[in-house]
Amino acid sequence: VKSELLEGILYLKPLLKKGTKEEKEYLHYCID
């Protein structure tokens, strides 16, 4: 599911503007 993982980044990035500090750190970790 390598391609699907890259697709998932499209849904994570918009959330970087909404989450708490801890949530944003977790989202960056997932994107990485």
PDB file of all heavy atoms in Angstrom:
ATOM      1  N   VAL A   1       0.823  -1.221   0.000  1.00  0.00           N
ATOM      2  CA  VAL A   1       0.000   0.000   0.000  1.00  0.00           C
ATOM      3  C   VAL A   1       0.854   1.266   0.000  1.00  0.00           C
ATOM      4  O   VAL A   1       0.456   2.290   0.564  1.00  0.00           O
ATOM      5  CB  VAL A   1      -0.962  -0.004   1.214  1.00  0.00           C
ATOM      6  CG1 VAL A   1      -2.021  -1.080   1.087  1.00  0.00           C
ATOM      7  CG2 VAL A   1      -0.189  -0.159   2.519  1.00  0.00           C
ATOM      8  N   LYS A   2       2.024   1.214  -0.659  1.00  0.00           N
ATOM      9  CA  LYS A   2       2.895   2.394  -0.676  1.00  0.00           C
ATOM     10  C   LYS A   2       2.201   3.583  -1.324  1.00  0.00           C
ATOM     11  O   LYS A   2       2.288   4.722  -0.839  1.00  0.00           O
ATOM     12  CB  LYS A   2       4.192   2.058  -1.406  1.00  0.00           C
ATOM     13  CG  LYS A   2       5.065   1.042  -0.667  1.00  0.00           C
ATOM     14  CD  LYS A   2       6.346   0.751  -1.435  1.00  0.00           C
ATOM     15  CE  LYS A   2       7.206  -0.271  -0.687  1.00  0.00           C
ATOM     16  NZ  LYS A   2       8.451  -0.591  -1.436  1.00  0.00           N
ATOM     17  N   SER A   3       1.507   3.325  -2.423  1.00  0.00           N
ATOM     18  CA  SER A   3       0.806   4.416  -3.099  1.00  0.00           C
ATOM     19  C   SER A   3      -0.311   4.971  -2.227  1.00  0.00           C
ATOM     20  O   SER A   3      -0.535   6.195  -2.154  1.00  0.00           O
ATOM     21  CB  SER A   3       0.244   3.917  -4.434  1.00  0.00           C
ATOM     22  OG  SER A   3      -0.505   4.929  -5.064  1.00  0.00           O
ATOM     23  N   GLU A   4      -1.023   4.077  -1.541  1.00  0.00           N
ATOM     24  CA  GLU A   4      -2.131   4.501  -0.677  1.00  0.00           C
ATOM     25  C   GLU A   4      -1.629   5.354   0.489  1.00  0.00           C
ATOM     26  O   GLU A   4      -2.315   6.286   0.936  1.00  0.00           O
ATOM     27  CB  GLU A   4      -2.890   3.284  -0.162  1.00  0.00           C
ATOM     28  CG  GLU A   4      -3.775   2.597  -1.178  1.00  0.00           C
ATOM     29  CD  GLU A   4      -2.997   1.656  -2.099  1.00  0.00           C
ATOM     30  OE1 GLU A   4      -1.750   1.630  -2.002  1.00  0.00           O
ATOM     31  OE2 GLU A   4      -3.634   0.964  -2.911  1.00  0.00           O
ATOM     32  N   LEU A   5      -0.405   5.026   0.975  1.00  0.00           N
ATOM     33  CA  LEU A   5       0.155   5.823   2.065  1.00  0.00           C
ATOM     34  C   LEU A   5       0.426   7.251   1.607  1.00  0.00           C
ATOM     35  O   LEU A   5       0.149   8.214   2.330  1.00  0.00           O
ATOM     36  CB  LEU A   5       1.439   5.180   2.583  1.00  0.00           C
ATOM     37  CG  LEU A   5       1.266   3.887   3.387  1.00  0.00           C
ATOM     38  CD1 LEU A   5       2.622   3.245   3.658  1.00  0.00           C
ATOM     39  CD2 LEU A   5       0.536   4.157   4.704  1.00  0.00           C
ATOM     40  N   LEU A   6       0.956   7.380   0.392  1.00  0.00           N
ATOM     41  CA  LEU A   6       1.202   8.715  -0.139  1.00  0.00           C
ATOM     42  C   LEU A   6      -0.111   9.468  -0.344  1.00  0.00           C
ATOM     43  O   LEU A   6      -0.194  10.681  -0.123  1.00  0.00           O
ATOM     44  CB  LEU A   6       1.970   8.611  -1.455  1.00  0.00           C
ATOM     45  CG  LEU A   6       3.393   8.048  -1.352  1.00  0.00           C
ATOM     46  CD1 LEU A   6       4.006   7.900  -2.738  1.00  0.00           C
ATOM     47  CD2 LEU A   6       4.269   8.941  -0.474  1.00  0.00           C
ATOM     48  N   GLU A   7      -1.127   8.737  -0.760  1.00  0.00           N
ATOM     49  CA  GLU A   7      -2.447   9.355  -0.913  1.00  0.00           C
ATOM     50  C   GLU A   7      -2.966   9.876   0.424  1.00  0.00           C
ATOM     51  O   GLU A   7      -3.608  10.936   0.512  1.00  0.00           O
ATOM     52  CB  GLU A   7      -3.423   8.344  -1.507  1.00  0.00           C
ATOM     53  CG  GLU A   7      -4.815   8.892  -1.741  1.00  0.00           C
ATOM     54  CD  GLU A   7      -5.794   7.824  -2.191  1.00  0.00           C
ATOM     55  OE1 GLU A   7      -5.371   6.682  -2.435  1.00  0.00           O
ATOM     56  OE2 GLU A   7      -7.004   8.144  -2.280  1.00  0.00           O
ATOM     57  N   GLY A   8      -2.686   9.125   1.495  1.00  0.00           N
ATOM     58  CA  GLY A   8      -3.159   9.522   2.813  1.00  0.00           C
ATOM     59  C   GLY A   8      -2.615  10.851   3.273  1.00  0.00           C
ATOM     60  O   GLY A   8      -3.267  11.577   4.048  1.00  0.00           O
ATOM     61  N   ILE A   9      -1.407  11.197   2.762  1.00  0.00           N
ATOM     62  CA  ILE A   9      -0.820  12.474   3.158  1.00  0.00           C
ATOM     63  C   ILE A   9      -1.720  13.640   2.743  1.00  0.00           C
ATOM     64  O   ILE A   9      -1.793  14.675   3.415  1.00  0.00           O
ATOM     65  CB  ILE A   9       0.591  12.613   2.540  1.00  0.00           C
ATOM     66  CG1 ILE A   9       1.527  11.541   3.129  1.00  0.00           C
ATOM     67  CG2 ILE A   9       1.158  14.005   2.784  1.00  0.00           C
ATOM     68  CD1 ILE A   9       2.891  11.475   2.456  1.00  0.00           C
ATOM     69  N   LEU A  10      -2.438  13.445   1.649  1.00  0.00           N
ATOM     70  CA  LEU A  10      -3.343  14.493   1.167  1.00  0.00           C
ATOM     71  C   LEU A  10      -4.432  14.809   2.191  1.00  0.00           C
ATOM     72  O   LEU A  10      -4.945  15.934   2.231  1.00  0.00           O
ATOM     73  CB  LEU A  10      -3.991  14.065  -0.150  1.00  0.00           C
ATOM     74  CG  LEU A  10      -3.040  13.793  -1.323  1.00  0.00           C
ATOM     75  CD1 LEU A  10      -3.818  13.279  -2.527  1.00  0.00           C
ATOM     76  CD2 LEU A  10      -2.266  15.061  -1.680  1.00  0.00           C
ATOM     77  N   TYR A  11      -4.791  13.819   3.010  1.00  0.00           N
ATOM     78  CA  TYR A  11      -5.836  14.039   4.025  1.00  0.00           C
ATOM     79  C   TYR A  11      -5.265  14.522   5.350  1.00  0.00           C
ATOM     80  O   TYR A  11      -5.987  15.092   6.168  1.00  0.00           O
ATOM     81  CB  TYR A  11      -6.625  12.741   4.234  1.00  0.00           C
ATOM     82  CG  TYR A  11      -7.269  12.232   2.968  1.00  0.00           C
ATOM     83  CD1 TYR A  11      -6.832  11.057   2.361  1.00  0.00           C
ATOM     84  CD2 TYR A  11      -8.292  12.940   2.354  1.00  0.00           C
ATOM     85  CE1 TYR A  11      -7.411  10.600   1.181  1.00  0.00           C
ATOM     86  CE2 TYR A  11      -8.875  12.501   1.177  1.00  0.00           C
ATOM     87  CZ  TYR A  11      -8.423  11.331   0.596  1.00  0.00           C
ATOM     88  OH  TYR A  11      -8.990  10.895  -0.575  1.00  0.00           O
ATOM     89  N   LEU A  12      -3.945  14.299   5.537  1.00  0.00           N
ATOM     90  CA  LEU A  12      -3.327  14.718   6.786  1.00  0.00           C
ATOM     91  C   LEU A  12      -2.906  16.185   6.769  1.00  0.00           C
ATOM     92  O   LEU A  12      -3.044  16.891   7.777  1.00  0.00           O
ATOM     93  CB  LEU A  12      -2.105  13.838   7.100  1.00  0.00           C
ATOM     94  CG  LEU A  12      -2.372  12.571   7.919  1.00  0.00           C
ATOM     95  CD1 LEU A  12      -3.353  11.647   7.212  1.00  0.00           C
ATOM     96  CD2 LEU A  12      -1.069  11.824   8.220  1.00  0.00           C
ATOM     97  N   LYS A  13      -2.410  16.657   5.640  1.00  0.00           N
ATOM     98  CA  LYS A  13      -1.849  18.005   5.598  1.00  0.00           C
ATOM     99  C   LYS A  13      -2.858  19.098   5.958  1.00  0.00           C
ATOM    100  O   LYS A  13      -2.510  20.039   6.692  1.00  0.00           O
ATOM    101  CB  LYS A  13      -1.239  18.258   4.216  1.00  0.00           C
ATOM    102  CG  LYS A  13       0.111  17.571   4.041  1.00  0.00           C
ATOM    103  CD  LYS A  13       0.758  17.964   2.723  1.00  0.00           C
ATOM    104  CE  LYS A  13       2.161  17.368   2.608  1.00  0.00           C
ATOM    105  NZ  LYS A  13       2.819  17.736   1.327  1.00  0.00           N
ATOM    106  N   PRO A  14      -4.102  19.034   5.475  1.00  0.00           N
ATOM    107  CA  PRO A  14      -5.052  20.101   5.871  1.00  0.00           C
ATOM    108  C   PRO A  14      -5.297  20.161   7.375  1.00  0.00           C
ATOM    109  O   PRO A  14      -5.660  21.220   7.905  1.00  0.00           O
ATOM    110  CB  PRO A  14      -6.336  19.724   5.123  1.00  0.00           C
ATOM    111  CG  PRO A  14      -5.874  18.891   3.969  1.00  0.00           C
ATOM    112  CD  PRO A  14      -4.700  18.124   4.476  1.00  0.00           C
ATOM    113  N   LEU A  15      -5.073  19.044   8.065  1.00  0.00           N
ATOM    114  CA  LEU A  15      -5.336  19.012   9.505  1.00  0.00           C
ATOM    115  C   LEU A  15      -4.241  19.693  10.312  1.00  0.00           C
ATOM    116  O   LEU A  15      -4.427  19.952  11.498  1.00  0.00           O
ATOM    117  CB  LEU A  15      -5.508  17.560   9.972  1.00  0.00           C
ATOM    118  CG  LEU A  15      -6.605  16.758   9.252  1.00  0.00           C
ATOM    119  CD1 LEU A  15      -6.704  15.350   9.833  1.00  0.00           C
ATOM    120  CD2 LEU A  15      -7.945  17.457   9.361  1.00  0.00           C
ATOM    121  N   LEU A  16      -3.100  19.973   9.663  1.00  0.00           N
ATOM    122  CA  LEU A  16      -2.015  20.645  10.372  1.00  0.00           C
ATOM    123  C   LEU A  16      -2.400  22.060  10.783  1.00  0.00           C
ATOM    124  O   LEU A  16      -1.779  22.662  11.652  1.00  0.00           O
ATOM    125  CB  LEU A  16      -0.766  20.693   9.482  1.00  0.00           C
ATOM    126  CG  LEU A  16      -0.127  19.326   9.183  1.00  0.00           C
ATOM    127  CD1 LEU A  16       0.983  19.490   8.158  1.00  0.00           C
ATOM    128  CD2 LEU A  16       0.403  18.682  10.459  1.00  0.00           C
ATOM    129  N   LYS A  17      -3.446  22.605  10.155  1.00  0.00           N
ATOM    130  CA  LYS A  17      -3.918  23.951  10.495  1.00  0.00           C
ATOM    131  C   LYS A  17      -4.944  23.932  11.623  1.00  0.00           C
ATOM    132  O   LYS A  17      -5.337  24.987  12.117  1.00  0.00           O
ATOM    133  CB  LYS A  17      -4.551  24.603   9.260  1.00  0.00           C
ATOM    134  CG  LYS A  17      -3.613  24.748   8.080  1.00  0.00           C
ATOM    135  CD  LYS A  17      -4.348  25.337   6.878  1.00  0.00           C
ATOM    136  CE  LYS A  17      -3.442  25.463   5.668  1.00  0.00           C
ATOM    137  NZ  LYS A  17      -4.162  26.018   4.484  1.00  0.00           N
ATOM    138  N   LYS A  18      -5.378  22.742  12.032  1.00  0.00           N
ATOM    139  CA  LYS A  18      -6.497  22.652  12.977  1.00  0.00           C
ATOM    140  C   LYS A  18      -6.119  22.048  14.325  1.00  0.00           C
ATOM    141  O   LYS A  18      -6.725  22.372  15.338  1.00  0.00           O
ATOM    142  CB  LYS A  18      -7.628  21.819  12.360  1.00  0.00           C
ATOM    143  CG  LYS A  18      -8.178  22.359  11.060  1.00  0.00           C
ATOM    144  CD  LYS A  18      -9.281  21.468  10.517  1.00  0.00           C
ATOM    145  CE  LYS A  18      -9.847  21.999   9.209  1.00  0.00           C
ATOM    146  NZ  LYS A  18     -10.936  21.149   8.669  1.00  0.00           N
ATOM    147  N   GLY A  19      -5.178  21.144  14.352  1.00  0.00           N
ATOM    148  CA  GLY A  19      -4.933  20.352  15.545  1.00  0.00           C
ATOM    149  C   GLY A  19      -4.240  21.106  16.664  1.00  0.00           C
ATOM    150  O   GLY A  19      -3.737  22.224  16.494  1.00  0.00           O
ATOM    151  N   THR A  20      -4.195  20.460  17.817  1.00  0.00           N
ATOM    152  CA  THR A  20      -3.418  20.974  18.942  1.00  0.00           C
ATOM    153  C   THR A  20      -1.932  20.755  18.659  1.00  0.00           C
ATOM    154  O   THR A  20      -1.546  20.108  17.676  1.00  0.00           O
ATOM    155  CB  THR A  20      -3.798  20.243  20.237  1.00  0.00           C
ATOM    156  OG1 THR A  20      -3.432  18.854  20.104  1.00  0.00           O
ATOM    157  CG2 THR A  20      -5.299  20.342  20.503  1.00  0.00           C
ATOM    158  N   LYS A  21      -1.085  21.270  19.514  1.00  0.00           N
ATOM    159  CA  LYS A  21       0.353  21.106  19.333  1.00  0.00           C
ATOM    160  C   LYS A  21       0.724  19.634  19.288  1.00  0.00           C
ATOM    161  O   LYS A  21       1.486  19.201  18.410  1.00  0.00           O
ATOM    162  CB  LYS A  21       1.100  21.804  20.467  1.00  0.00           C
ATOM    163  CG  LYS A  21       2.617  21.678  20.371  1.00  0.00           C
ATOM    164  CD  LYS A  21       3.299  22.371  21.547  1.00  0.00           C
ATOM    165  CE  LYS A  21       4.816  22.196  21.462  1.00  0.00           C
ATOM    166  NZ  LYS A  21       5.507  22.835  22.624  1.00  0.00           N
ATOM    167  N   GLU A  22       0.185  18.840  20.218  1.00  0.00           N
ATOM    168  CA  GLU A  22       0.489  17.411  20.258  1.00  0.00           C
ATOM    169  C   GLU A  22      -0.049  16.706  19.018  1.00  0.00           C
ATOM    170  O   GLU A  22       0.605  15.808  18.460  1.00  0.00           O
ATOM    171  CB  GLU A  22      -0.104  16.779  21.517  1.00  0.00           C
ATOM    172  CG  GLU A  22       0.537  17.229  22.830  1.00  0.00           C
ATOM    173  CD  GLU A  22       0.101  18.630  23.250  1.00  0.00           C
ATOM    174  OE1 GLU A  22      -0.883  19.154  22.667  1.00  0.00           O
ATOM    175  OE2 GLU A  22       0.749  19.199  24.155  1.00  0.00           O
ATOM    176  N   GLU A  23      -1.257  17.088  18.584  1.00  0.00           N
ATOM    177  CA  GLU A  23      -1.841  16.468  17.402  1.00  0.00           C
ATOM    178  C   GLU A  23      -1.032  16.799  16.152  1.00  0.00           C
ATOM    179  O   GLU A  23      -0.812  15.945  15.276  1.00  0.00           O
ATOM    180  CB  GLU A  23      -3.295  16.919  17.237  1.00  0.00           C
ATOM    181  CG  GLU A  23      -4.232  16.339  18.292  1.00  0.00           C
ATOM    182  CD  GLU A  23      -5.598  17.000  18.295  1.00  0.00           C
ATOM    183  OE1 GLU A  23      -5.729  18.130  17.759  1.00  0.00           O
ATOM    184  OE2 GLU A  23      -6.540  16.401  18.847  1.00  0.00           O
ATOM    185  N   LYS A  24      -0.575  18.036  16.056  1.00  0.00           N
ATOM    186  CA  LYS A  24       0.237  18.424  14.902  1.00  0.00           C
ATOM    187  C   LYS A  24       1.550  17.652  14.867  1.00  0.00           C
ATOM    188  O   LYS A  24       2.015  17.231  13.797  1.00  0.00           O
ATOM    189  CB  LYS A  24       0.500  19.926  14.938  1.00  0.00           C
ATOM    190  CG  LYS A  24      -0.734  20.783  14.661  1.00  0.00           C
ATOM    191  CD  LYS A  24      -0.420  22.267  14.787  1.00  0.00           C
ATOM    192  CE  LYS A  24      -1.665  23.108  14.529  1.00  0.00           C
ATOM    193  NZ  LYS A  24      -1.410  24.559  14.699  1.00  0.00           N
ATOM    194  N   GLU A  25       2.150  17.471  16.030  1.00  0.00           N
ATOM    195  CA  GLU A  25       3.389  16.690  16.092  1.00  0.00           C
ATOM    196  C   GLU A  25       3.144  15.257  15.631  1.00  0.00           C
ATOM    197  O   GLU A  25       3.957  14.677  14.896  1.00  0.00           O
ATOM    198  CB  GLU A  25       3.941  16.702  17.525  1.00  0.00           C
ATOM    199  CG  GLU A  25       4.480  18.058  17.955  1.00  0.00           C
ATOM    200  CD  GLU A  25       4.917  18.059  19.405  1.00  0.00           C
ATOM    201  OE1 GLU A  25       4.681  17.033  20.111  1.00  0.00           O
ATOM    202  OE2 GLU A  25       5.486  19.071  19.863  1.00  0.00           O
ATOM    203  N   TYR A  26       2.012  14.711  16.043  1.00  0.00           N
ATOM    204  CA  TYR A  26       1.688  13.342  15.634  1.00  0.00           C
ATOM    205  C   TYR A  26       1.435  13.273  14.128  1.00  0.00           C
ATOM    206  O   TYR A  26       1.876  12.327  13.448  1.00  0.00           O
ATOM    207  CB  TYR A  26       0.458  12.852  16.402  1.00  0.00           C
ATOM    208  CG  TYR A  26      -0.013  11.482  15.947  1.00  0.00           C
ATOM    209  CD1 TYR A  26       0.754  10.350  16.183  1.00  0.00           C
ATOM    210  CD2 TYR A  26      -1.214  11.340  15.253  1.00  0.00           C
ATOM    211  CE1 TYR A  26       0.330   9.093  15.762  1.00  0.00           C
ATOM    212  CE2 TYR A  26      -1.641  10.097  14.818  1.00  0.00           C
ATOM    213  CZ  TYR A  26      -0.875   8.973  15.081  1.00  0.00           C
ATOM    214  OH  TYR A  26      -1.289   7.737  14.647  1.00  0.00           O
ATOM    215  N   LEU A  27       0.755  14.262  13.565  1.00  0.00           N
ATOM    216  CA  LEU A  27       0.480  14.269  12.131  1.00  0.00           C
ATOM    217  C   LEU A  27       1.774  14.387  11.324  1.00  0.00           C
ATOM    218  O   LEU A  27       1.949  13.716  10.289  1.00  0.00           O
ATOM    219  CB  LEU A  27      -0.468  15.420  11.786  1.00  0.00           C
ATOM    220  CG  LEU A  27      -1.916  15.267  12.278  1.00  0.00           C
ATOM    221  CD1 LEU A  27      -2.687  16.570  12.087  1.00  0.00           C
ATOM    222  CD2 LEU A  27      -2.620  14.129  11.555  1.00  0.00           C
ATOM    223  N   HIS A  28       2.711  15.238  11.766  1.00  0.00           N
ATOM    224  CA  HIS A  28       4.009  15.334  11.093  1.00  0.00           C
ATOM    225  C   HIS A  28       4.737  13.992  11.130  1.00  0.00           C
ATOM    226  O   HIS A  28       5.374  13.589  10.139  1.00  0.00           O
ATOM    227  CB  HIS A  28       4.868  16.420  11.749  1.00  0.00           C
ATOM    228  CG  HIS A  28       4.537  17.812  11.306  1.00  0.00           C
ATOM    229  ND1 HIS A  28       4.699  18.244  10.006  1.00  0.00           N
ATOM    230  CD2 HIS A  28       4.059  18.879  12.017  1.00  0.00           C
ATOM    231  CE1 HIS A  28       4.329  19.512   9.914  1.00  0.00           C
ATOM    232  NE2 HIS A  28       3.937  19.930  11.120  1.00  0.00           N
ATOM    233  N   TYR A  29       4.631  13.334  12.281  1.00  0.00           N
ATOM    234  CA  TYR A  29       5.261  12.014  12.425  1.00  0.00           C
ATOM    235  C   TYR A  29       4.660  11.026  11.429  1.00  0.00           C
ATOM    236  O   TYR A  29       5.384  10.276  10.752  1.00  0.00           O
ATOM    237  CB  TYR A  29       5.071  11.519  13.859  1.00  0.00           C
ATOM    238  CG  TYR A  29       5.473  10.087  14.079  1.00  0.00           C
ATOM    239  CD1 TYR A  29       6.812   9.692  14.038  1.00  0.00           C
ATOM    240  CD2 TYR A  29       4.507   9.113  14.340  1.00  0.00           C
ATOM    241  CE1 TYR A  29       7.178   8.362  14.249  1.00  0.00           C
ATOM    242  CE2 TYR A  29       4.852   7.794  14.543  1.00  0.00           C
ATOM    243  CZ  TYR A  29       6.194   7.419  14.496  1.00  0.00           C
ATOM    244  OH  TYR A  29       6.552   6.114  14.696  1.00  0.00           O
ATOM    245  N   CYS A  30       3.334  11.025  11.289  1.00  0.00           N
ATOM    246  CA  CYS A  30       2.666  10.116  10.346  1.00  0.00           C
ATOM    247  C   CYS A  30       3.072  10.433   8.905  1.00  0.00           C
ATOM    248  O   CYS A  30       3.355   9.521   8.108  1.00  0.00           O
ATOM    249  CB  CYS A  30       1.153  10.217  10.486  1.00  0.00           C
ATOM    250  SG  CYS A  30       0.495   9.501  12.003  1.00  0.00           S
ATOM    251  N   ILE A  31       3.105  11.712   8.577  1.00  0.00           N
ATOM    252  CA  ILE A  31       3.483  12.103   7.217  1.00  0.00           C
ATOM    253  C   ILE A  31       4.899  11.631   6.897  1.00  0.00           C
ATOM    254  O   ILE A  31       5.181  11.105   5.807  1.00  0.00           O
ATOM    255  CB  ILE A  31       3.360  13.632   7.047  1.00  0.00           C
ATOM    256  CG1 ILE A  31       1.882  14.041   7.092  1.00  0.00           C
ATOM    257  CG2 ILE A  31       4.006  14.101   5.734  1.00  0.00           C
ATOM    258  CD1 ILE A  31       1.659  15.549   7.149  1.00  0.00           C
ATOM    259  N   ASP A  32       5.785  11.805   7.880  1.00  0.00           N
ATOM    260  CA  ASP A  32       7.169  11.349   7.697  1.00  0.00           C
ATOM    261  C   ASP A  32       7.228   9.842   7.468  1.00  0.00           C
ATOM    262  O   ASP A  32       7.950   9.363   6.580  1.00  0.00           O
ATOM    263  CB  ASP A  32       7.996  11.738   8.922  1.00  0.00           C
ATOM    264  CG  ASP A  32       9.435  11.261   8.814  1.00  0.00           C
ATOM    265  OD1 ASP A  32      10.133  11.681   7.871  1.00  0.00           O
ATOM    266  OD2 ASP A  32       9.842  10.439   9.664  1.00  0.00           O
TER     267      ASP A  32
END
